[in-house]
């Protein structure tokens, strides 16, 4: 069985650290774990100018990123199948995240361009874990220094992006909102417990997490 999930969230939410812990833990309990990189970060680091004022270019960047993201997910799904083991495919952001950064009319045009509906995009994932930005619950921890691709400079901007991302996924039937905690370990443990629940192994691994 292959389970695809999304780890999303606002800036400085702890996705990178959580991803590492998810891979470590679920590999240890017998899963083939694949953690896919964030497509937007790859595009930014490669030179895509997300802050462009050219609407045609802006749209093309997002259309190309959507196609890239879907192809990457499909490719790793096939790799996961080939392992012959129960597998967990963890997406650092998913297809619906793109809508949080576009005007509604541009998002609808993008869906038409790639031939997808919101229901089809959400249906690609068993569950979505939204890690709230530290700007919401632990503002003293908010920083730009640990991600060169991060563009949200103020707490207000970070909170706005976080809220938009929650709205993008709010209709997913298995949306888990992971609030910021005083201790990062508690936040990560909440993600591990939620994934274990989605995999149906919570009772077997609870004591290993807590």
Protein backbone atom coordinates (compact mmCIF):
# COMPACT_ATOMS: atom_id res chain seq x y z
CA UNK A 1 0.00 0.00 0.00
CA UNK A 2 1.24 3.47 -0.90
CA UNK A 3 0.13 6.45 1.15
CA UNK A 4 0.68 9.95 -0.20
CA UNK A 5 0.56 12.88 2.20
CA UNK A 6 1.30 16.59 2.06
CA UNK A 7 3.34 18.55 4.57
CA UNK A 8 2.47 22.18 4.08
CA UNK A 9 2.38 25.32 6.16
CA UNK A 10 3.36 28.93 6.43
CA UNK A 11 6.93 30.24 6.44
CA UNK A 12 9.17 29.08 9.28
CA UNK A 13 6.76 26.31 10.23
CA UNK A 14 9.38 23.59 10.63
CA UNK A 15 8.63 21.55 7.50
CA UNK A 16 12.25 20.69 6.76
CA UNK A 17 13.00 19.39 10.25
CA UNK A 18 9.67 17.54 10.36
CA UNK A 19 10.34 15.93 6.98
CA UNK A 20 13.66 14.58 8.22
CA UNK A 21 12.06 13.13 11.34
CA UNK A 22 9.18 11.58 9.37
CA UNK A 23 11.62 9.82 7.05
CA UNK A 24 13.74 8.58 9.94
CA UNK A 25 10.84 7.31 12.04
CA UNK A 26 8.70 5.59 9.43
CA UNK A 27 11.72 4.00 7.76
CA UNK A 28 12.53 2.50 11.14
CA UNK A 29 9.07 0.91 11.42
CA UNK A 30 9.27 -0.75 8.01
CA UNK A 31 8.06 1.75 5.41
CA UNK A 32 9.78 2.79 2.22
CA UNK A 33 9.72 6.56 2.70
CA UNK A 34 10.16 9.11 -0.07
CA UNK A 35 10.35 12.80 0.83
CA UNK A 36 9.84 14.99 -2.21
CA UNK A 37 11.45 18.46 -2.30
CA UNK A 38 9.47 21.67 -2.44
CA UNK A 39 8.97 22.53 -6.12
CA UNK A 40 8.80 26.28 -5.51
CA UNK A 41 12.18 26.30 -3.78
CA UNK A 42 13.73 24.37 -6.68
CA UNK A 43 12.27 26.88 -9.14
CA UNK A 44 13.42 29.92 -7.14
CA UNK A 45 16.94 28.56 -6.72
CA UNK A 46 17.07 27.78 -10.44
CA UNK A 47 16.24 31.41 -11.28
CA UNK A 48 12.45 31.58 -11.70
CA UNK A 49 11.38 35.12 -10.75
CA UNK A 50 8.22 34.73 -8.69
CA UNK A 51 8.18 38.48 -7.94
CA UNK A 52 7.98 39.42 -11.61
CA UNK A 53 5.47 42.08 -12.61
CA UNK A 54 4.93 40.38 -15.98
CA UNK A 55 1.60 38.53 -15.67
CA UNK A 56 2.38 36.24 -18.61
CA UNK A 57 5.67 35.16 -17.07
CA UNK A 58 4.12 34.80 -13.63
CA UNK A 59 1.42 32.52 -15.02
CA UNK A 60 3.91 30.43 -17.01
CA UNK A 61 6.11 29.90 -13.94
CA UNK A 62 3.14 28.56 -11.99
CA UNK A 63 1.82 26.46 -14.89
CA UNK A 64 5.24 24.89 -15.38
CA UNK A 65 5.66 24.35 -11.65
CA UNK A 66 2.29 22.60 -11.44
CA UNK A 67 3.20 20.23 -14.27
CA UNK A 68 6.62 19.61 -12.73
CA UNK A 69 5.09 18.90 -9.32
CA UNK A 70 2.51 16.45 -10.67
CA UNK A 71 5.11 14.61 -12.75
CA UNK A 72 7.49 14.38 -9.79
CA UNK A 73 4.74 12.95 -7.60
CA UNK A 74 3.70 10.43 -10.25
CA UNK A 75 7.29 9.35 -10.80
CA UNK A 76 7.91 8.69 -7.12
CA UNK A 77 4.59 6.86 -6.84
CA UNK A 78 5.87 4.40 -9.45
CA UNK A 79 9.19 4.09 -7.63
CA UNK A 80 7.32 3.45 -4.37
CA UNK A 81 5.28 0.69 -6.04
CA UNK A 82 8.45 -0.95 -7.31
CA UNK A 83 9.82 -1.38 -3.77
CA UNK A 84 7.21 -4.02 -2.98
CA UNK A 85 6.94 -2.57 0.54
CA UNK A 86 4.33 -0.42 2.26
CA UNK A 87 5.38 3.07 1.24
CA UNK A 88 4.93 6.62 2.40
CA UNK A 89 5.35 9.44 -0.11
CA UNK A 90 5.71 12.79 1.64
CA UNK A 91 5.23 15.90 -0.47
CA UNK A 92 6.81 19.14 0.74
CA UNK A 93 3.76 21.15 -0.31
CA UNK A 94 1.14 19.79 -2.68
CA UNK A 95 -0.69 20.92 -5.77
CA UNK A 96 -3.29 23.05 -3.97
CA UNK A 97 -0.57 25.18 -2.34
CA UNK A 98 -0.09 26.98 -5.64
CA UNK A 99 -3.56 28.50 -5.36
CA UNK A 100 -2.52 30.42 -2.22
CA UNK A 101 -0.15 32.53 -4.31
CA UNK A 102 -2.44 33.35 -7.24
CA UNK A 103 -5.48 35.53 -7.84
CA UNK A 104 -8.67 33.40 -8.00
CA UNK A 105 -9.18 34.11 -11.72
CA UNK A 106 -5.56 33.16 -12.49
CA UNK A 107 -5.91 29.97 -10.46
CA UNK A 108 -9.01 28.98 -12.43
CA UNK A 109 -7.11 29.65 -15.67
CA UNK A 110 -4.27 27.48 -14.41
CA UNK A 111 -6.62 24.60 -13.61
CA UNK A 112 -7.98 24.83 -17.14
CA UNK A 113 -4.46 24.96 -18.62
CA UNK A 114 -3.36 21.76 -16.84
CA UNK A 115 -6.71 20.00 -17.26
CA UNK A 116 -7.38 19.43 -13.56
CA UNK A 117 -10.09 20.25 -11.03
CA UNK A 118 -9.54 21.13 -7.38
CA UNK A 119 -11.23 17.85 -6.42
CA UNK A 120 -8.77 15.89 -8.57
CA UNK A 121 -5.80 17.69 -7.06
CA UNK A 122 -6.95 17.17 -3.48
CA UNK A 123 -7.80 13.54 -4.21
CA UNK A 124 -4.15 12.79 -4.95
CA UNK A 125 -3.33 12.82 -1.22
CA UNK A 126 -4.55 10.65 1.65
CA UNK A 127 -4.00 13.44 4.18
CA UNK A 128 -2.67 16.96 4.50
CA UNK A 129 -0.68 18.19 7.48
CA UNK A 130 -0.57 21.96 7.79
CA UNK A 131 2.18 23.15 10.11
CA UNK A 132 1.27 26.62 11.37
CA UNK A 133 3.93 29.27 10.95
CA UNK A 134 5.87 30.09 14.10
CA UNK A 135 4.67 33.67 13.52
CA UNK A 136 1.32 32.54 14.93
CA UNK A 137 2.25 30.65 18.06
CA UNK A 138 5.94 31.24 18.65
CA UNK A 139 6.82 34.62 17.09
CA UNK A 140 10.21 34.82 18.78
CA UNK A 141 11.25 31.81 16.70
CA UNK A 142 10.34 33.36 13.33
CA UNK A 143 13.40 33.87 11.13
CA UNK A 144 14.41 34.29 7.50
CA UNK A 145 17.90 32.92 8.02
CA UNK A 146 17.16 29.22 7.54
CA UNK A 147 15.62 29.42 4.06
CA UNK A 148 17.11 31.54 1.30
CA UNK A 149 13.90 31.18 -0.75
CA UNK A 150 11.65 32.64 1.95
CA UNK A 151 10.13 35.97 0.89
CA UNK A 152 7.82 36.83 3.81
CA UNK A 153 9.75 39.39 5.85
CA UNK A 154 7.22 40.35 8.54
CA UNK A 155 5.09 38.39 10.99
CA UNK A 156 1.94 39.81 9.39
CA UNK A 157 3.01 38.60 5.93
CA UNK A 158 3.83 35.15 7.30
CA UNK A 159 0.44 34.89 9.01
CA UNK A 160 -1.37 36.01 5.84
CA UNK A 161 0.37 33.33 3.77
CA UNK A 162 -0.34 30.72 6.43
CA UNK A 163 -4.05 31.61 6.45
CA UNK A 164 -4.21 31.46 2.64
CA UNK A 165 -2.65 27.99 2.66
CA UNK A 166 -5.18 26.72 5.20
CA UNK A 167 -7.97 28.09 3.01
CA UNK A 168 -6.52 26.30 -0.03
CA UNK A 169 -6.79 22.92 1.69
CA UNK A 170 -9.84 23.47 3.92
CA UNK A 171 -12.07 21.18 1.84
CA UNK A 172 -9.71 18.21 2.09
CA UNK A 173 -11.41 15.54 4.24
CA UNK A 174 -8.21 14.68 6.14
CA UNK A 175 -6.73 18.09 6.89
CA UNK A 176 -4.68 18.16 10.11
CA UNK A 177 -3.84 21.59 11.53
CA UNK A 178 -0.63 21.32 13.56
CA UNK A 179 -0.36 24.35 15.81
CA UNK A 180 2.93 25.89 16.83
CA UNK A 181 4.23 24.57 20.13
CA UNK A 182 6.69 25.99 22.64
CA UNK A 183 8.91 22.99 21.94
CA UNK A 184 9.55 21.94 18.34
CA UNK A 185 9.63 18.27 19.36
CA UNK A 186 5.99 18.46 20.45
CA UNK A 187 4.98 19.83 17.05
CA UNK A 188 6.86 17.10 15.22
CA UNK A 189 5.43 14.42 17.51
CA UNK A 190 1.93 15.62 16.65
CA UNK A 191 2.72 15.12 12.96
CA UNK A 192 4.12 11.63 13.57
CA UNK A 193 1.04 10.67 15.57
CA UNK A 194 -1.25 12.00 12.84
CA UNK A 195 0.56 10.12 10.08
CA UNK A 196 0.54 6.93 12.15
CA UNK A 197 -3.20 7.33 12.57
CA UNK A 198 -3.67 7.74 8.81
CA UNK A 199 -1.56 4.61 8.24
CA UNK A 200 -3.60 2.63 10.78
CA UNK A 201 -0.60 1.86 13.00
CA UNK A 202 -1.09 4.41 15.78
CA UNK A 203 -1.50 1.91 18.62
CA UNK A 204 1.59 -0.04 17.57
CA UNK A 205 3.90 2.98 17.46
CA UNK A 206 2.45 5.48 19.94
CA UNK A 207 4.93 4.58 22.70
CA UNK A 208 7.82 4.94 20.24
CA UNK A 209 6.81 8.52 19.50
CA UNK A 210 5.92 9.85 22.94
